[in-house]
Amino acid sequence: MSGSAAGSPEPPRSRPSWHEYFLQLARQAATRSTCLRRQVGAVLVRDKRLLATGYNGAPRGTAHCLDVGCLRAQLGIPSGERQELCRAIHAEQNAIIQAAVHGVAIEGATLYTTLHPCILCAKMLINCGVREIHYLEGYPDELSREMLAEAGVSVHQETLP
C-alpha cells in the first residue's frame, strides 16, 4: 500500500548516483578535519567498494590546528603556497596511508574528494595507480592538472544536488 495517510501518493524517492554517494561520503569525511582553513575529505573506491577514507589533519599523536592555531595563517602564507609549512596531512594522503596501514591495495581505484588534489597529492595518486578522480571544488594548482592529464588520470568536477 502506498500513499500518505491523507490518501495522496508520496513523491517518488530517488537514490543518489554512485558518484553522488561517494562524494557525499567524502564530504562526511571532511567533517573530521581539524584544519582551520579548509576541511577536505577523500575516499578511495574500486568496483563500488569503499577502500579507504581520509581527511586533512595533524599526524597521529601531534597537536591539531584546532588546538594550537594555524601556522600558515600566522605566517601569512596564501592558499596553494609553501604546503610544507603546515601541520596537516592532506585528505588524499591520509586515505593512501590508511589503505597502506590496513593492507588495502588501491591500484586502479577512483578517488572522490571535496577538493581538487594539489601537486603533492597528484603525484602520490599517480604513483599509487589511481585512474580516476571526481572532485567538488577547484584548487589553484595548474601543475597538478597538467601532471594528472599527462599521466592519463581521468579528472571530473562534480556537483551535488
N, C-alpha and C. Protein backbone atom coordinates (compact mmCIF):
# COMPACT_ATOMS: atom_id res chain seq x y z
N MET A 1 0.85 -1.17 0.00
CA MET A 1 0.00 0.00 0.00
C MET A 1 0.89 1.22 0.00
N SER A 2 0.68 2.14 -0.95
CA SER A 2 1.48 3.36 -0.97
C SER A 2 0.57 4.55 -0.77
N GLY A 3 1.21 5.66 -0.46
CA GLY A 3 0.43 6.88 -0.25
C GLY A 3 0.52 7.31 1.19
N SER A 4 0.16 8.54 1.43
CA SER A 4 0.20 9.07 2.79
C SER A 4 -1.13 8.80 3.47
N ALA A 5 -1.22 9.18 4.73
CA ALA A 5 -2.44 8.96 5.50
C ALA A 5 -3.62 9.69 4.87
N ALA A 6 -3.37 10.78 4.20
CA ALA A 6 -4.45 11.55 3.57
C ALA A 6 -4.85 10.94 2.23
N GLY A 7 -4.16 9.89 1.80
CA GLY A 7 -4.53 9.22 0.58
C GLY A 7 -3.81 9.72 -0.67
N SER A 8 -3.03 10.79 -0.56
CA SER A 8 -2.30 11.26 -1.75
C SER A 8 -1.01 10.46 -1.90
N PRO A 9 -0.60 10.20 -3.13
CA PRO A 9 0.61 9.40 -3.33
C PRO A 9 1.85 10.17 -2.84
N GLU A 10 2.81 9.42 -2.31
CA GLU A 10 4.07 10.02 -1.88
C GLU A 10 4.92 10.29 -3.11
N PRO A 11 5.72 11.35 -3.08
CA PRO A 11 6.60 11.61 -4.22
C PRO A 11 7.60 10.46 -4.36
N PRO A 12 7.98 10.16 -5.59
CA PRO A 12 8.93 9.07 -5.77
C PRO A 12 10.25 9.37 -5.07
N ARG A 13 10.78 8.37 -4.43
CA ARG A 13 12.06 8.50 -3.73
C ARG A 13 13.17 8.25 -4.73
N SER A 14 14.17 9.10 -4.75
CA SER A 14 15.29 8.88 -5.66
C SER A 14 16.54 8.54 -4.86
N ARG A 15 17.33 7.69 -5.45
CA ARG A 15 18.61 7.33 -4.84
C ARG A 15 19.71 8.16 -5.49
N PRO A 16 20.76 8.47 -4.72
CA PRO A 16 21.88 9.19 -5.34
C PRO A 16 22.60 8.27 -6.32
N SER A 17 23.21 8.87 -7.33
CA SER A 17 24.08 8.09 -8.23
C SER A 17 25.28 7.63 -7.41
N TRP A 18 26.05 6.72 -7.96
CA TRP A 18 27.25 6.24 -7.25
C TRP A 18 28.22 7.40 -7.04
N HIS A 19 28.38 8.28 -8.04
CA HIS A 19 29.27 9.44 -7.87
C HIS A 19 28.77 10.33 -6.73
N GLU A 20 27.47 10.60 -6.70
CA GLU A 20 26.92 11.43 -5.63
C GLU A 20 27.11 10.76 -4.26
N TYR A 21 26.88 9.47 -4.20
CA TYR A 21 27.02 8.73 -2.95
C TYR A 21 28.45 8.83 -2.41
N PHE A 22 29.44 8.56 -3.26
CA PHE A 22 30.82 8.59 -2.79
C PHE A 22 31.29 10.01 -2.51
N LEU A 23 30.79 11.00 -3.25
CA LEU A 23 31.13 12.39 -2.94
C LEU A 23 30.51 12.82 -1.61
N GLN A 24 29.31 12.32 -1.32
CA GLN A 24 28.70 12.60 -0.02
C GLN A 24 29.52 11.97 1.11
N LEU A 25 30.08 10.79 0.87
CA LEU A 25 30.95 10.17 1.88
C LEU A 25 32.22 11.00 2.07
N ALA A 26 32.78 11.52 0.98
CA ALA A 26 33.96 12.38 1.08
C ALA A 26 33.62 13.65 1.87
N ARG A 27 32.46 14.21 1.59
CA ARG A 27 32.03 15.40 2.32
C ARG A 27 31.86 15.07 3.81
N GLN A 28 31.33 13.91 4.13
CA GLN A 28 31.19 13.49 5.53
C GLN A 28 32.56 13.30 6.18
N ALA A 29 33.50 12.70 5.46
CA ALA A 29 34.86 12.53 5.99
C ALA A 29 35.47 13.89 6.34
N ALA A 30 35.18 14.90 5.53
CA ALA A 30 35.73 16.24 5.76
C ALA A 30 35.30 16.82 7.11
N THR A 31 34.18 16.35 7.64
CA THR A 31 33.72 16.87 8.93
C THR A 31 34.67 16.49 10.07
N ARG A 32 35.56 15.52 9.85
CA ARG A 32 36.55 15.12 10.85
C ARG A 32 37.80 15.99 10.81
N SER A 33 37.92 16.83 9.80
CA SER A 33 39.11 17.66 9.61
C SER A 33 39.35 18.55 10.83
N THR A 34 40.63 18.77 11.12
CA THR A 34 41.00 19.67 12.21
C THR A 34 41.70 20.92 11.68
N CYS A 35 41.64 21.13 10.37
CA CYS A 35 42.23 22.30 9.74
C CYS A 35 41.33 23.52 9.95
N LEU A 36 41.94 24.65 10.26
CA LEU A 36 41.18 25.88 10.47
C LEU A 36 40.86 26.59 9.16
N ARG A 37 41.60 26.30 8.11
CA ARG A 37 41.41 26.99 6.83
C ARG A 37 40.41 26.31 5.91
N ARG A 38 40.53 25.01 5.77
CA ARG A 38 39.68 24.30 4.80
C ARG A 38 39.53 22.85 5.25
N GLN A 39 38.30 22.38 5.26
CA GLN A 39 38.02 20.99 5.64
C GLN A 39 37.88 20.18 4.34
N VAL A 40 38.73 19.16 4.21
CA VAL A 40 38.76 18.34 3.00
C VAL A 40 38.58 16.88 3.38
N GLY A 41 37.80 16.18 2.58
CA GLY A 41 37.62 14.74 2.77
C GLY A 41 37.87 14.01 1.47
N ALA A 42 38.29 12.75 1.58
CA ALA A 42 38.58 11.94 0.40
C ALA A 42 38.22 10.49 0.68
N VAL A 43 37.75 9.81 -0.36
CA VAL A 43 37.52 8.36 -0.26
C VAL A 43 38.09 7.69 -1.51
N LEU A 44 38.67 6.54 -1.31
CA LEU A 44 39.18 5.72 -2.40
C LEU A 44 38.23 4.55 -2.60
N VAL A 45 37.86 4.31 -3.86
CA VAL A 45 36.83 3.33 -4.21
C VAL A 45 37.30 2.51 -5.40
N ARG A 46 36.95 1.23 -5.39
CA ARG A 46 37.14 0.39 -6.58
C ARG A 46 35.95 -0.55 -6.68
N ASP A 47 35.39 -0.66 -7.86
CA ASP A 47 34.25 -1.54 -8.10
C ASP A 47 33.10 -1.27 -7.12
N LYS A 48 32.83 0.02 -6.89
CA LYS A 48 31.74 0.46 -5.99
C LYS A 48 31.96 0.01 -4.55
N ARG A 49 33.21 -0.27 -4.20
CA ARG A 49 33.57 -0.71 -2.85
C ARG A 49 34.49 0.32 -2.22
N LEU A 50 34.13 0.78 -1.04
CA LEU A 50 34.93 1.75 -0.31
C LEU A 50 36.21 1.08 0.19
N LEU A 51 37.36 1.63 -0.18
CA LEU A 51 38.65 1.05 0.21
C LEU A 51 39.27 1.78 1.41
N ALA A 52 39.22 3.11 1.39
CA ALA A 52 39.84 3.89 2.47
C ALA A 52 39.27 5.30 2.45
N THR A 53 39.33 5.95 3.60
CA THR A 53 38.89 7.34 3.72
C THR A 53 40.01 8.17 4.32
N GLY A 54 39.92 9.47 4.14
CA GLY A 54 40.90 10.37 4.74
C GLY A 54 40.33 11.77 4.87
N TYR A 55 40.91 12.53 5.77
CA TYR A 55 40.58 13.95 5.93
C TYR A 55 41.85 14.66 6.31
N ASN A 56 41.89 15.98 6.15
CA ASN A 56 43.11 16.70 6.48
C ASN A 56 43.17 17.02 7.97
N GLY A 57 44.34 16.73 8.52
CA GLY A 57 44.56 16.97 9.94
C GLY A 57 45.99 16.63 10.32
N ALA A 58 46.35 16.97 11.53
CA ALA A 58 47.71 16.75 12.02
C ALA A 58 48.01 15.26 12.14
N PRO A 59 49.28 14.89 12.04
CA PRO A 59 49.65 13.48 12.19
C PRO A 59 49.26 12.93 13.56
N ARG A 60 49.05 11.64 13.60
CA ARG A 60 48.66 10.94 14.82
C ARG A 60 49.61 11.31 15.97
N GLY A 61 49.02 11.62 17.11
CA GLY A 61 49.81 11.91 18.31
C GLY A 61 50.37 13.32 18.38
N THR A 62 50.03 14.18 17.43
CA THR A 62 50.50 15.57 17.47
C THR A 62 49.31 16.51 17.63
N ALA A 63 49.60 17.73 18.04
CA ALA A 63 48.55 18.71 18.30
C ALA A 63 47.86 19.13 17.01
N HIS A 64 46.57 19.29 17.11
CA HIS A 64 45.77 19.72 15.97
C HIS A 64 45.75 21.24 15.86
N CYS A 65 45.58 21.71 14.65
CA CYS A 65 45.49 23.16 14.42
C CYS A 65 44.33 23.77 15.20
N LEU A 66 43.25 23.00 15.37
CA LEU A 66 42.12 23.47 16.19
C LEU A 66 42.58 23.84 17.60
N ASP A 67 43.65 23.17 18.07
CA ASP A 67 44.13 23.38 19.44
C ASP A 67 45.26 24.39 19.53
N VAL A 68 46.13 24.45 18.49
CA VAL A 68 47.32 25.30 18.59
C VAL A 68 47.34 26.43 17.58
N GLY A 69 46.34 26.53 16.73
CA GLY A 69 46.31 27.59 15.73
C GLY A 69 46.96 27.15 14.43
N CYS A 70 46.78 27.97 13.43
CA CYS A 70 47.27 27.68 12.08
C CYS A 70 48.59 28.38 11.83
N LEU A 71 49.64 27.61 11.65
CA LEU A 71 50.97 28.15 11.38
C LEU A 71 50.96 28.97 10.08
N ARG A 72 50.27 28.47 9.07
CA ARG A 72 50.23 29.17 7.77
C ARG A 72 49.55 30.53 7.90
N ALA A 73 48.49 30.60 8.68
CA ALA A 73 47.81 31.88 8.89
C ALA A 73 48.72 32.83 9.67
N GLN A 74 49.41 32.30 10.69
CA GLN A 74 50.32 33.12 11.49
C GLN A 74 51.44 33.71 10.64
N LEU A 75 51.88 32.95 9.62
CA LEU A 75 52.96 33.41 8.75
C LEU A 75 52.46 34.16 7.52
N GLY A 76 51.13 34.25 7.35
CA GLY A 76 50.56 34.95 6.22
C GLY A 76 50.77 34.26 4.87
N ILE A 77 50.80 32.94 4.88
CA ILE A 77 51.04 32.18 3.66
C ILE A 77 49.72 31.96 2.92
N PRO A 78 49.64 32.36 1.65
CA PRO A 78 48.40 32.17 0.90
C PRO A 78 48.13 30.71 0.56
N SER A 79 46.88 30.42 0.28
CA SER A 79 46.46 29.07 -0.12
C SER A 79 47.24 28.64 -1.35
N GLY A 80 47.66 27.37 -1.37
CA GLY A 80 48.35 26.81 -2.52
C GLY A 80 49.85 27.04 -2.53
N GLU A 81 50.38 27.73 -1.53
CA GLU A 81 51.82 28.00 -1.47
C GLU A 81 52.43 27.42 -0.20
N ARG A 82 53.71 27.04 -0.31
CA ARG A 82 54.51 26.59 0.84
C ARG A 82 53.78 25.54 1.69
N GLN A 83 53.28 24.52 1.04
CA GLN A 83 52.49 23.49 1.73
C GLN A 83 53.29 22.73 2.79
N GLU A 84 54.61 22.78 2.67
CA GLU A 84 55.43 22.10 3.67
C GLU A 84 55.34 22.79 5.03
N LEU A 85 54.88 24.03 5.05
CA LEU A 85 54.72 24.76 6.31
C LEU A 85 53.29 24.63 6.81
N CYS A 86 52.90 23.41 7.07
CA CYS A 86 51.55 23.11 7.53
C CYS A 86 51.63 21.87 8.43
N ARG A 87 50.88 21.87 9.50
CA ARG A 87 50.86 20.71 10.40
C ARG A 87 50.09 19.54 9.80
N ALA A 88 49.18 19.83 8.90
CA ALA A 88 48.23 18.81 8.44
C ALA A 88 48.78 17.93 7.33
N ILE A 89 48.27 16.71 7.32
CA ILE A 89 48.42 15.79 6.20
C ILE A 89 47.15 15.96 5.38
N HIS A 90 47.29 16.00 4.06
CA HIS A 90 46.12 16.19 3.21
C HIS A 90 45.21 14.97 3.24
N ALA A 91 43.94 15.19 2.93
CA ALA A 91 42.93 14.12 2.96
C ALA A 91 43.32 12.97 2.04
N GLU A 92 43.80 13.28 0.84
CA GLU A 92 44.21 12.23 -0.10
C GLU A 92 45.38 11.42 0.46
N GLN A 93 46.33 12.12 1.08
CA GLN A 93 47.48 11.44 1.68
C GLN A 93 47.02 10.53 2.81
N ASN A 94 46.10 11.00 3.63
CA ASN A 94 45.59 10.18 4.73
C ASN A 94 44.85 8.95 4.21
N ALA A 95 44.10 9.09 3.11
CA ALA A 95 43.41 7.93 2.53
C ALA A 95 44.43 6.91 2.04
N ILE A 96 45.48 7.38 1.37
CA ILE A 96 46.55 6.48 0.90
C ILE A 96 47.22 5.79 2.08
N ILE A 97 47.52 6.56 3.12
CA ILE A 97 48.17 6.00 4.32
C ILE A 97 47.27 4.97 4.99
N GLN A 98 45.98 5.26 5.12
CA GLN A 98 45.06 4.30 5.74
C GLN A 98 45.00 3.01 4.95
N ALA A 99 44.98 3.12 3.63
CA ALA A 99 44.98 1.91 2.80
C ALA A 99 46.26 1.11 3.05
N ALA A 100 47.41 1.78 3.10
CA ALA A 100 48.69 1.10 3.32
C ALA A 100 48.74 0.44 4.69
N VAL A 101 48.32 1.18 5.72
CA VAL A 101 48.36 0.65 7.09
C VAL A 101 47.50 -0.61 7.23
N HIS A 102 46.39 -0.65 6.50
CA HIS A 102 45.47 -1.78 6.62
C HIS A 102 45.62 -2.80 5.50
N GLY A 103 46.68 -2.65 4.69
CA GLY A 103 46.97 -3.64 3.65
C GLY A 103 45.96 -3.69 2.53
N VAL A 104 45.40 -2.54 2.16
CA VAL A 104 44.39 -2.48 1.11
C VAL A 104 45.04 -1.94 -0.16
N ALA A 105 45.03 -2.73 -1.22
CA ALA A 105 45.58 -2.30 -2.50
C ALA A 105 44.66 -1.27 -3.14
N ILE A 106 45.24 -0.19 -3.66
CA ILE A 106 44.42 0.85 -4.28
C ILE A 106 44.73 1.04 -5.77
N GLU A 107 45.56 0.19 -6.33
CA GLU A 107 45.84 0.24 -7.77
C GLU A 107 44.52 0.17 -8.53
N GLY A 108 44.32 1.10 -9.46
CA GLY A 108 43.10 1.11 -10.26
C GLY A 108 41.90 1.75 -9.58
N ALA A 109 42.11 2.35 -8.43
CA ALA A 109 41.00 2.94 -7.67
C ALA A 109 40.56 4.28 -8.26
N THR A 110 39.41 4.73 -7.80
CA THR A 110 38.88 6.05 -8.09
C THR A 110 38.90 6.85 -6.80
N LEU A 111 39.33 8.10 -6.89
CA LEU A 111 39.33 8.99 -5.73
C LEU A 111 38.12 9.92 -5.84
N TYR A 112 37.37 10.03 -4.76
CA TYR A 112 36.31 11.03 -4.62
C TYR A 112 36.77 11.98 -3.53
N THR A 113 36.80 13.27 -3.84
CA THR A 113 37.32 14.24 -2.89
C THR A 113 36.55 15.55 -2.96
N THR A 114 36.56 16.26 -1.87
CA THR A 114 35.84 17.53 -1.83
C THR A 114 36.63 18.65 -2.50
N LEU A 115 37.93 18.45 -2.75
CA LEU A 115 38.79 19.48 -3.32
C LEU A 115 39.74 18.85 -4.34
N HIS A 116 39.95 19.52 -5.46
CA HIS A 116 40.90 19.03 -6.46
C HIS A 116 42.26 18.84 -5.80
N PRO A 117 42.94 17.73 -6.04
CA PRO A 117 44.23 17.48 -5.40
C PRO A 117 45.30 18.51 -5.77
N CYS A 118 46.16 18.82 -4.82
CA CYS A 118 47.33 19.66 -5.06
C CYS A 118 48.38 18.83 -5.80
N ILE A 119 49.48 19.44 -6.17
CA ILE A 119 50.52 18.73 -6.91
C ILE A 119 51.14 17.61 -6.08
N LEU A 120 51.33 17.81 -4.79
CA LEU A 120 51.92 16.76 -3.96
C LEU A 120 51.03 15.52 -3.95
N CYS A 121 49.74 15.74 -3.74
CA CYS A 121 48.79 14.62 -3.72
C CYS A 121 48.64 14.01 -5.11
N ALA A 122 48.64 14.84 -6.14
CA ALA A 122 48.51 14.34 -7.51
C ALA A 122 49.64 13.36 -7.82
N LYS A 123 50.86 13.71 -7.46
CA LYS A 123 52.00 12.81 -7.73
C LYS A 123 51.85 11.49 -6.98
N MET A 124 51.39 11.55 -5.74
CA MET A 124 51.17 10.32 -4.97
C MET A 124 50.08 9.47 -5.60
N LEU A 125 48.98 10.12 -5.98
CA LEU A 125 47.86 9.39 -6.58
C LEU A 125 48.26 8.73 -7.90
N ILE A 126 49.05 9.43 -8.69
CA ILE A 126 49.56 8.87 -9.94
C ILE A 126 50.38 7.62 -9.65
N ASN A 127 51.30 7.71 -8.71
CA ASN A 127 52.17 6.56 -8.40
C ASN A 127 51.43 5.43 -7.72
N CYS A 128 50.32 5.71 -7.06
CA CYS A 128 49.51 4.65 -6.44
C CYS A 128 48.63 3.94 -7.46
N GLY A 129 48.54 4.49 -8.67
CA GLY A 129 47.74 3.86 -9.70
C GLY A 129 46.28 4.27 -9.70
N VAL A 130 45.96 5.39 -9.05
CA VAL A 130 44.59 5.89 -9.11
C VAL A 130 44.32 6.32 -10.55
N ARG A 131 43.23 5.85 -11.12
CA ARG A 131 42.94 6.08 -12.54
C ARG A 131 41.90 7.17 -12.79
N GLU A 132 41.14 7.54 -11.75
CA GLU A 132 40.06 8.48 -11.96
C GLU A 132 39.87 9.30 -10.68
N ILE A 133 39.54 10.58 -10.87
CA ILE A 133 39.30 11.49 -9.74
C ILE A 133 38.01 12.26 -10.00
N HIS A 134 37.14 12.29 -8.99
CA HIS A 134 35.93 13.11 -9.01
C HIS A 134 36.04 14.06 -7.83
N TYR A 135 35.88 15.36 -8.09
CA TYR A 135 36.03 16.35 -7.02
C TYR A 135 34.91 17.37 -7.08
N LEU A 136 34.72 18.08 -5.96
CA LEU A 136 33.67 19.09 -5.88
C LEU A 136 34.18 20.51 -6.14
N GLU A 137 35.25 20.92 -5.46
CA GLU A 137 35.75 22.29 -5.57
C GLU A 137 37.11 22.31 -6.25
N GLY A 138 37.34 23.37 -7.04
CA GLY A 138 38.63 23.53 -7.69
C GLY A 138 39.70 24.01 -6.72
N TYR A 139 40.95 23.92 -7.17
CA TYR A 139 42.09 24.35 -6.36
C TYR A 139 43.10 24.99 -7.31
N PRO A 140 43.70 26.11 -6.95
CA PRO A 140 44.58 26.84 -7.88
C PRO A 140 45.95 26.18 -8.04
N ASP A 141 45.99 25.05 -8.75
CA ASP A 141 47.26 24.34 -8.94
C ASP A 141 47.30 23.77 -10.36
N GLU A 142 47.77 24.58 -11.29
CA GLU A 142 47.80 24.19 -12.70
C GLU A 142 48.74 23.01 -12.94
N LEU A 143 49.87 22.94 -12.24
CA LEU A 143 50.80 21.83 -12.42
C LEU A 143 50.13 20.50 -12.06
N SER A 144 49.31 20.49 -11.04
CA SER A 144 48.58 19.29 -10.66
C SER A 144 47.70 18.83 -11.82
N ARG A 145 46.95 19.75 -12.39
CA ARG A 145 46.07 19.41 -13.53
C ARG A 145 46.88 18.85 -14.70
N GLU A 146 48.00 19.51 -15.00
CA GLU A 146 48.84 19.09 -16.12
C GLU A 146 49.40 17.69 -15.90
N MET A 147 49.92 17.42 -14.71
CA MET A 147 50.52 16.11 -14.45
C MET A 147 49.47 15.00 -14.45
N LEU A 148 48.31 15.26 -13.89
CA LEU A 148 47.25 14.25 -13.90
C LEU A 148 46.85 13.93 -15.34
N ALA A 149 46.74 14.96 -16.18
CA ALA A 149 46.39 14.74 -17.58
C ALA A 149 47.50 13.96 -18.29
N GLU A 150 48.74 14.35 -18.06
CA GLU A 150 49.88 13.67 -18.69
C GLU A 150 49.93 12.19 -18.30
N ALA A 151 49.56 11.89 -17.07
CA ALA A 151 49.58 10.50 -16.58
C ALA A 151 48.35 9.72 -17.01
N GLY A 152 47.41 10.39 -17.66
CA GLY A 152 46.21 9.70 -18.14
C GLY A 152 45.16 9.48 -17.08
N VAL A 153 45.23 10.24 -15.98
CA VAL A 153 44.22 10.12 -14.93
C VAL A 153 43.01 10.94 -15.37
N SER A 154 41.86 10.33 -15.37
CA SER A 154 40.62 10.99 -15.76
C SER A 154 40.11 11.82 -14.58
N VAL A 155 39.90 13.12 -14.80
CA VAL A 155 39.53 14.03 -13.72
C VAL A 155 38.21 14.72 -14.08
N HIS A 156 37.26 14.72 -13.11
CA HIS A 156 35.93 15.27 -13.36
C HIS A 156 35.48 16.12 -12.18
N GLN A 157 35.06 17.35 -12.47
CA GLN A 157 34.44 18.16 -11.42
C GLN A 157 32.96 17.81 -11.39
N GLU A 158 32.44 17.63 -10.18
CA GLU A 158 31.04 17.22 -9.99
C GLU A 158 30.33 18.26 -9.13
N THR A 159 29.03 18.17 -9.14
CA THR A 159 28.21 18.98 -8.23
C THR A 159 27.26 18.03 -7.51
N LEU A 160 26.87 18.41 -6.34
CA LEU A 160 25.89 17.64 -5.58
C LEU A 160 24.59 18.42 -5.53
N PRO A 161 23.45 17.72 -5.61
CA PRO A 161 22.16 18.42 -5.54
C PRO A 161 21.95 19.04 -4.16
